Amino acid sequence: GLIMNTMEQGPLLEQTRVSAGLDYYKPTMGQVQFDQFPDAQVTFRLKNRGSTLLTEFVEPEELQARLDRFQAGWNTEETAFLATQERRDSNPLFSDEYLRYLEESNLPPVTARTDPATGDLMAETTGDWPLVTNWETVVMSELNELYFENMIAAQGLDIEEIYDEGDRRLSEKIAILQQRPDIKFAEFGTRRRFSLRWQDYVVGRLAAECPDNLIGTSNVALANKYNLMPIGTFAHEMPMVYGALAEADDYSPLVGHNQMLRDWSDTYDDNLSTALTDTFGSDFFFADFTPEQAREWQALRHDSGNPFTFGEQVLDFYFKHGIDATEKTIVFSDGLD
């Protein structure tokens, strides 16, 4: 098919490059973790929230072999790209110490196996938090790609037909976006992608054909390849682990939430100033978020619940504290179409 030929043009990203499977909020979170809790031991475990068993199409040994290729972690070219990222004041966003740490560290071992309790696939890793964090989106993206490869083979589907249909749908969306330059979005598909090859192709077309709409991509390697802004701040992981660390010190886990926001601000000032609002529920967030923080943080991220209800909640909160909501941003990130 035409799409298969087109996708062969230009250098493909190396599948074994860790940044090809990373969302940008991995290194941005990692720097705060490195500064505040470099030795904190954490365990990450993959849990399938869907109803279909992953083992229907993926053997643990297959996934293990793919993940083992990423054990060496970041290379010099990848950290060199992070070194080009700047703050608003033109100073480097990432410290030399943190980038050297990434470059010199292997990722902790990850184990893929069948969970005897569920009969489903499981992947687990334990180690230093700033290194363990890198596995999350790598495991998810590699698992997805392997799942779809095996499913297509098992069902005797035609990969060329699949790519051509995907390209047809992509063209339809691009046509709409070109008529609507007011629609701004960031590409954030790494963790659930069909394949690296397809994500690369989609981002390449969007960058070339929708430059007024596409503000960037979360994928570190694709941001580098297409000279796009890498997009991402922090995930639920940050207040969750902060909560666990607070609880380990005999405090309420909820104490960790605001401590995390303060540490983030200490590291980044007014950069990466988007707060995720639903880790412990939006009602708690707005009770915990101080008026001073509300003035300081530039944006809030919506990731669950009704977006209209959330918008009204945000407006009410800013109004109550005498803050001009027209100077703030909401980032919507929950199942958008």
Protein backbone atom coordinates (compact mmCIF):
# COMPACT_ATOMS: atom_id res chain seq x y z
CA GLY A 1 0.00 0.00 0.00
CA LEU A 2 0.93 3.65 -0.46
CA ILE A 3 1.21 4.32 3.26
CA MET A 4 3.74 1.51 3.77
CA ASN A 5 6.02 3.00 1.13
CA THR A 6 5.62 6.51 2.53
CA MET A 7 6.49 5.32 6.03
CA GLU A 8 9.81 3.99 4.83
CA GLN A 9 10.97 7.49 3.87
CA GLY A 10 13.39 9.15 6.27
CA PRO A 11 15.27 7.50 9.12
CA LEU A 12 13.14 5.50 11.53
CA LEU A 13 13.74 5.96 15.23
CA GLU A 14 15.69 3.19 16.92
CA GLN A 15 13.24 0.94 18.76
CA THR A 16 15.79 0.35 21.53
CA ARG A 17 16.26 4.03 22.33
CA VAL A 18 14.67 4.63 25.72
CA SER A 19 13.47 8.14 24.82
CA ALA A 20 11.34 6.66 21.99
CA GLY A 21 9.17 5.09 24.70
CA LEU A 22 9.20 7.99 27.13
CA ASP A 23 6.72 10.77 27.79
CA TYR A 24 8.45 14.05 28.64
CA TYR A 25 6.99 14.11 32.13
CA LYS A 26 9.28 11.21 32.99
CA PRO A 27 12.50 13.32 33.01
CA THR A 28 10.68 16.38 34.42
CA MET A 29 9.35 14.30 37.33
CA GLY A 30 12.67 12.47 37.57
CA GLN A 31 14.58 15.67 38.27
CA VAL A 32 12.39 16.53 41.28
CA GLN A 33 12.65 12.93 42.48
CA PHE A 34 16.44 13.10 42.08
CA ASP A 35 16.65 16.39 43.98
CA GLN A 36 14.34 15.41 46.84
CA PHE A 37 14.34 11.61 47.21
CA PRO A 38 17.23 10.14 45.16
CA ASP A 39 17.40 6.97 47.28
CA ALA A 40 13.67 6.35 47.83
CA GLN A 41 12.92 2.72 47.00
CA VAL A 42 9.71 2.23 45.05
CA THR A 43 8.00 -0.66 43.26
CA PHE A 44 6.08 -0.14 40.03
CA ARG A 45 3.74 -2.92 38.91
CA LEU A 46 1.76 -3.10 35.69
CA LYS A 47 -1.95 -3.68 36.25
CA ASN A 48 -4.29 -4.32 33.34
CA ARG A 49 -7.43 -2.25 33.92
CA GLY A 50 -9.15 -3.71 30.86
CA SER A 51 -11.38 -6.77 30.68
CA THR A 52 -9.32 -8.65 28.05
CA LEU A 53 -6.40 -10.73 29.27
CA LEU A 54 -3.13 -9.48 27.80
CA THR A 55 -1.83 -13.05 27.83
CA GLU A 56 -4.26 -13.82 24.99
CA PHE A 57 -1.68 -12.36 22.62
CA VAL A 58 1.47 -11.68 24.68
CA GLU A 59 3.77 -14.19 26.36
CA PRO A 60 5.79 -12.87 29.34
CA GLU A 61 9.03 -14.11 27.73
CA GLU A 62 8.36 -12.04 24.61
CA LEU A 63 7.77 -8.88 26.61
CA GLN A 64 10.80 -9.59 28.80
CA ALA A 65 13.07 -9.87 25.75
CA ARG A 66 11.84 -6.50 24.44
CA LEU A 67 12.22 -4.74 27.79
CA ASP A 68 15.72 -6.10 28.38
CA ARG A 69 16.90 -3.98 25.43
CA PHE A 70 16.24 -0.81 27.42
CA GLN A 71 18.22 -1.83 30.52
CA ALA A 72 21.09 0.55 29.74
CA GLY A 73 18.75 3.55 30.03
CA TRP A 74 19.60 6.99 28.64
CA ASN A 75 22.46 7.56 26.20
CA THR A 76 24.51 10.72 25.60
CA GLU A 77 22.53 11.82 22.53
CA GLU A 78 19.27 11.58 24.46
CA THR A 79 20.51 13.55 27.47
CA ALA A 80 22.04 16.09 25.06
CA PHE A 81 18.51 16.83 23.82
CA LEU A 82 17.31 17.37 27.40
CA ALA A 83 20.25 19.73 27.87
CA THR A 84 18.83 21.99 25.13
CA GLN A 85 15.58 22.58 27.05
CA GLU A 86 15.42 26.05 28.59
CA ARG A 87 13.48 27.88 31.26
CA ARG A 88 11.69 31.15 30.54
CA ASP A 89 14.83 32.99 31.65
CA SER A 90 16.94 31.00 29.13
CA ASN A 91 18.75 29.01 31.82
CA PRO A 92 18.84 25.21 31.42
CA LEU A 93 15.72 23.37 32.61
CA PHE A 94 17.70 20.29 33.66
CA SER A 95 20.77 20.37 35.89
CA ASP A 96 24.09 18.92 34.72
CA GLU A 97 24.11 16.71 37.82
CA TYR A 98 20.74 15.15 36.96
CA LEU A 99 21.62 14.61 33.29
CA ARG A 100 24.92 12.98 34.27
CA TYR A 101 23.00 10.72 36.67
CA LEU A 102 20.67 9.59 33.87
CA GLU A 103 23.54 8.98 31.49
CA GLU A 104 25.62 6.97 33.96
CA SER A 105 22.79 4.85 35.44
CA ASN A 106 21.32 1.61 34.21
CA LEU A 107 17.60 1.16 34.76
CA PRO A 108 16.63 -1.24 37.57
CA PRO A 109 15.81 -4.77 36.38
CA VAL A 110 12.20 -5.29 35.28
CA THR A 111 10.49 -8.68 35.37
CA ALA A 112 7.63 -9.75 33.11
CA ARG A 113 5.67 -12.83 34.25
CA THR A 114 2.19 -14.26 34.60
CA ASP A 115 0.41 -13.20 37.78
CA PRO A 116 -0.86 -16.44 39.41
CA ALA A 117 -3.70 -14.54 41.09
CA THR A 118 -5.20 -13.17 37.86
CA GLY A 119 -3.67 -15.34 35.14
CA ASP A 120 -2.79 -12.11 33.36
CA LEU A 121 0.50 -10.57 32.33
CA MET A 122 2.39 -8.62 34.97
CA ALA A 123 5.56 -6.51 34.86
CA GLU A 124 7.30 -5.29 38.01
CA THR A 125 10.41 -3.34 38.95
CA THR A 126 11.89 -2.08 42.22
CA GLY A 127 14.68 0.45 42.74
CA ASP A 128 15.57 4.13 43.10
CA TRP A 129 12.54 6.25 42.28
CA PRO A 130 14.24 8.56 39.71
CA LEU A 131 15.26 5.48 37.67
CA VAL A 132 12.25 3.21 38.19
CA THR A 133 9.99 6.00 36.89
CA ASN A 134 11.43 5.59 33.38
CA TRP A 135 9.99 2.09 33.00
CA GLU A 136 6.31 3.08 33.09
CA THR A 137 5.73 4.39 29.57
CA VAL A 138 8.41 2.11 28.09
CA VAL A 139 6.59 -0.97 29.44
CA MET A 140 3.20 0.30 28.26
CA SER A 141 4.33 1.27 24.75
CA GLU A 142 6.29 -1.95 24.19
CA LEU A 143 3.43 -4.06 25.53
CA ASN A 144 0.94 -2.34 23.23
CA GLU A 145 3.13 -2.78 20.17
CA LEU A 146 3.73 -6.46 20.92
CA TYR A 147 0.03 -7.05 21.61
CA PHE A 148 -1.05 -5.57 18.28
CA GLU A 149 1.71 -7.35 16.32
CA ASN A 150 0.65 -10.72 17.70
CA MET A 151 -3.08 -10.03 17.40
CA ILE A 152 -2.72 -9.09 13.73
CA ALA A 153 -0.70 -12.24 13.05
CA ALA A 154 -3.13 -14.47 14.96
CA GLN A 155 -6.17 -13.07 13.20
CA GLY A 156 -4.56 -13.09 9.74
CA LEU A 157 -5.16 -9.37 9.21
CA ASP A 158 -3.46 -7.35 6.47
CA ILE A 159 -1.07 -4.81 7.99
CA GLU A 160 -1.07 -2.72 4.80
CA GLU A 161 -4.87 -2.42 4.92
CA ILE A 162 -4.67 -1.42 8.58
CA TYR A 163 -2.10 1.31 7.90
CA ASP A 164 -4.06 2.58 4.87
CA GLU A 165 -7.25 2.82 6.92
CA GLY A 166 -5.36 4.61 9.69
CA ASP A 167 -3.95 7.05 7.16
CA ARG A 168 -7.41 7.69 5.70
CA ARG A 169 -8.76 8.56 9.16
CA LEU A 170 -5.72 10.72 9.90
CA SER A 171 -6.27 12.66 6.65
CA GLU A 172 -9.89 13.32 7.64
CA LYS A 173 -8.81 14.73 11.00
CA ILE A 174 -6.05 16.83 9.43
CA ALA A 175 -8.59 18.35 7.00
CA ILE A 176 -10.76 19.42 9.96
CA LEU A 177 -7.79 20.80 11.90
CA GLN A 178 -6.59 22.84 8.92
CA GLN A 179 -9.98 24.59 8.88
CA ARG A 180 -9.76 25.21 12.64
CA PRO A 181 -6.45 26.88 13.58
CA ASP A 182 -8.04 27.78 16.94
CA ILE A 183 -7.87 24.10 18.01
CA LYS A 184 -4.55 23.59 19.84
CA PHE A 185 -3.40 20.19 21.01
CA ALA A 186 -0.35 18.20 22.06
CA GLU A 187 0.23 14.67 20.77
CA PHE A 188 0.30 12.33 23.77
CA GLY A 189 -0.04 8.85 22.32
CA THR A 190 3.15 7.08 23.41
CA ARG A 191 1.75 4.84 26.13
CA ARG A 192 -1.13 3.50 24.01
CA ARG A 193 0.36 3.60 20.55
CA PHE A 194 -0.23 0.99 17.87
CA SER A 195 3.50 1.09 17.14
CA LEU A 196 6.47 3.43 17.28
CA ARG A 197 6.53 3.40 13.50
CA TRP A 198 2.92 4.58 13.29
CA GLN A 199 3.33 7.23 15.99
CA ASP A 200 6.41 8.54 14.18
CA TYR A 201 4.43 8.77 10.94
CA VAL A 202 1.44 10.50 12.57
CA VAL A 203 3.59 13.09 14.36
CA GLY A 204 5.55 13.72 11.16
CA ARG A 205 2.35 14.42 9.19
CA LEU A 206 0.87 16.58 11.95
CA ALA A 207 4.07 18.63 12.23
CA ALA A 208 4.14 19.20 8.46
CA GLU A 209 0.43 19.71 7.82
CA CYS A 210 -0.98 21.15 11.08
CA PRO A 211 1.75 23.42 12.43
CA ASP A 212 -0.87 25.93 13.67
CA ASN A 213 -2.65 23.27 15.73
CA LEU A 214 0.12 21.04 17.06
CA ILE A 215 1.89 22.70 19.98
CA GLY A 216 4.18 19.73 20.64
CA THR A 217 4.45 16.06 21.54
CA SER A 218 4.97 14.23 24.81
CA ASN A 219 7.35 11.78 23.11
CA VAL A 220 10.94 12.78 23.90
CA ALA A 221 12.53 11.22 20.81
CA LEU A 222 9.88 12.52 18.41
CA ALA A 223 10.14 16.03 19.85
CA ASN A 224 13.85 15.85 19.07
CA LYS A 225 13.36 14.35 15.59
CA TYR A 226 10.73 16.87 14.42
CA ASN A 227 12.02 19.91 16.35
CA LEU A 228 8.80 20.12 18.38
CA MET A 229 8.26 21.34 21.91
CA PRO A 230 8.32 18.39 24.34
CA ILE A 231 5.14 18.55 26.41
CA GLY A 232 4.61 17.28 29.94
CA THR A 233 4.80 18.22 33.61
CA PHE A 234 3.86 15.64 36.26
CA ALA A 235 1.59 12.62 36.62
CA HIS A 236 -0.47 11.10 39.46
CA GLU A 237 2.70 9.22 40.38
CA MET A 238 4.19 12.31 42.06
CA PRO A 239 1.55 13.04 44.75
CA MET A 240 0.92 9.29 45.14
CA VAL A 241 4.53 8.50 46.07
CA TYR A 242 4.78 11.68 48.15
CA GLY A 243 1.67 10.44 49.98
CA ALA A 244 3.29 7.06 50.62
CA LEU A 245 6.48 8.72 51.87
CA ALA A 246 4.45 10.97 54.21
CA GLU A 247 2.59 7.93 55.53
CA ALA A 248 5.90 6.14 56.13
CA ASP A 249 6.84 9.10 58.35
CA ASP A 250 3.56 8.69 60.28
CA TYR A 251 1.78 11.61 58.63
CA SER A 252 -1.47 11.51 56.69
CA PRO A 253 -0.76 10.64 53.04
CA LEU A 254 -2.67 13.78 52.08
CA VAL A 255 0.12 15.87 53.63
CA GLY A 256 2.33 14.72 50.79
CA HIS A 257 0.16 16.39 48.15
CA ASN A 258 0.98 19.99 48.97
CA GLN A 259 4.59 19.15 49.81
CA MET A 260 4.94 17.80 46.28
CA LEU A 261 3.49 21.03 44.80
CA ARG A 262 5.94 23.10 46.87
CA ASP A 263 8.93 20.96 45.86
CA TRP A 264 7.87 21.23 42.22
CA SER A 265 7.75 25.02 42.46
CA ASP A 266 11.13 25.09 44.20
CA THR A 267 12.64 23.15 41.27
CA TYR A 268 10.92 24.85 38.34
CA ASP A 269 9.60 28.25 39.56
CA ASP A 270 7.10 29.40 36.90
CA ASN A 271 8.21 26.74 34.39
CA LEU A 272 6.17 23.55 33.83
CA SER A 273 3.51 25.27 35.92
CA THR A 274 0.55 22.95 35.31
CA ALA A 275 -0.98 21.24 38.34
CA LEU A 276 -2.78 17.90 38.02
CA THR A 277 -5.97 18.14 40.05
CA ASP A 278 -7.52 14.70 40.58
CA THR A 279 -5.01 12.40 42.29
CA PHE A 280 -7.03 12.47 45.52
CA GLY A 281 -10.15 14.00 43.93
CA SER A 282 -10.72 17.54 42.67
CA ASP A 283 -12.61 18.60 45.82
CA PHE A 284 -9.56 17.78 47.91
CA PHE A 285 -7.27 19.52 45.44
CA PHE A 286 -9.14 22.83 45.67
CA ALA A 287 -9.26 22.57 49.46
CA ASP A 288 -5.49 21.92 49.58
CA PHE A 289 -4.41 24.41 46.87
CA THR A 290 -3.68 27.72 48.59
CA PRO A 291 -4.62 31.12 47.10
CA GLU A 292 -0.89 31.88 46.85
CA GLN A 293 -0.34 28.70 44.86
CA ALA A 294 -3.35 29.47 42.67
CA ARG A 295 -1.78 32.81 41.73
CA GLU A 296 1.61 31.20 41.17
CA TRP A 297 0.62 28.18 39.04
CA GLN A 298 -0.29 29.04 35.46
CA ALA A 299 -2.50 26.07 34.55
CA LEU A 300 -4.63 23.23 35.92
CA ARG A 301 -4.97 19.81 34.27
CA HIS A 302 -8.35 18.06 34.08
CA ASP A 303 -8.09 14.26 33.88
CA SER A 304 -11.34 12.76 35.20
CA GLY A 305 -15.00 13.60 35.64
CA ASN A 306 -17.18 16.00 33.66
CA PRO A 307 -15.05 18.70 31.98
CA PHE A 308 -17.83 21.30 32.11
CA THR A 309 -18.38 20.74 35.83
CA PHE A 310 -14.63 21.02 36.35
CA GLY A 311 -14.47 24.25 34.35
CA GLU A 312 -17.14 25.82 36.55
CA GLN A 313 -15.33 24.59 39.67
CA VAL A 314 -12.11 26.25 38.48
CA LEU A 315 -13.88 29.54 37.67
CA ASP A 316 -15.61 29.57 41.07
CA PHE A 317 -12.29 28.89 42.82
CA TYR A 318 -10.46 31.71 41.04
CA PHE A 319 -13.39 34.11 41.55
CA LYS A 320 -13.52 33.34 45.27
CA HIS A 321 -9.84 34.25 45.62
CA GLY A 322 -9.95 37.34 43.41
CA ILE A 323 -7.84 35.81 40.64
CA ASP A 324 -8.34 36.73 36.97
CA ALA A 325 -9.27 33.42 35.33
CA THR A 326 -8.61 34.83 31.84
CA GLU A 327 -4.90 34.76 32.65
CA LYS A 328 -5.00 31.04 33.47
CA THR A 329 -5.22 27.86 31.40
CA ILE A 330 -7.03 24.54 31.72
CA VAL A 331 -5.37 21.55 30.05
CA PHE A 332 -7.97 18.91 29.21
CA SER A 333 -6.46 15.43 29.01
CA ASP A 334 -9.21 12.89 29.72
CA GLY A 335 -10.31 10.74 26.77
CA LEU A 336 -10.56 13.61 24.30
CA ASP A 337 -11.92 13.09 20.81
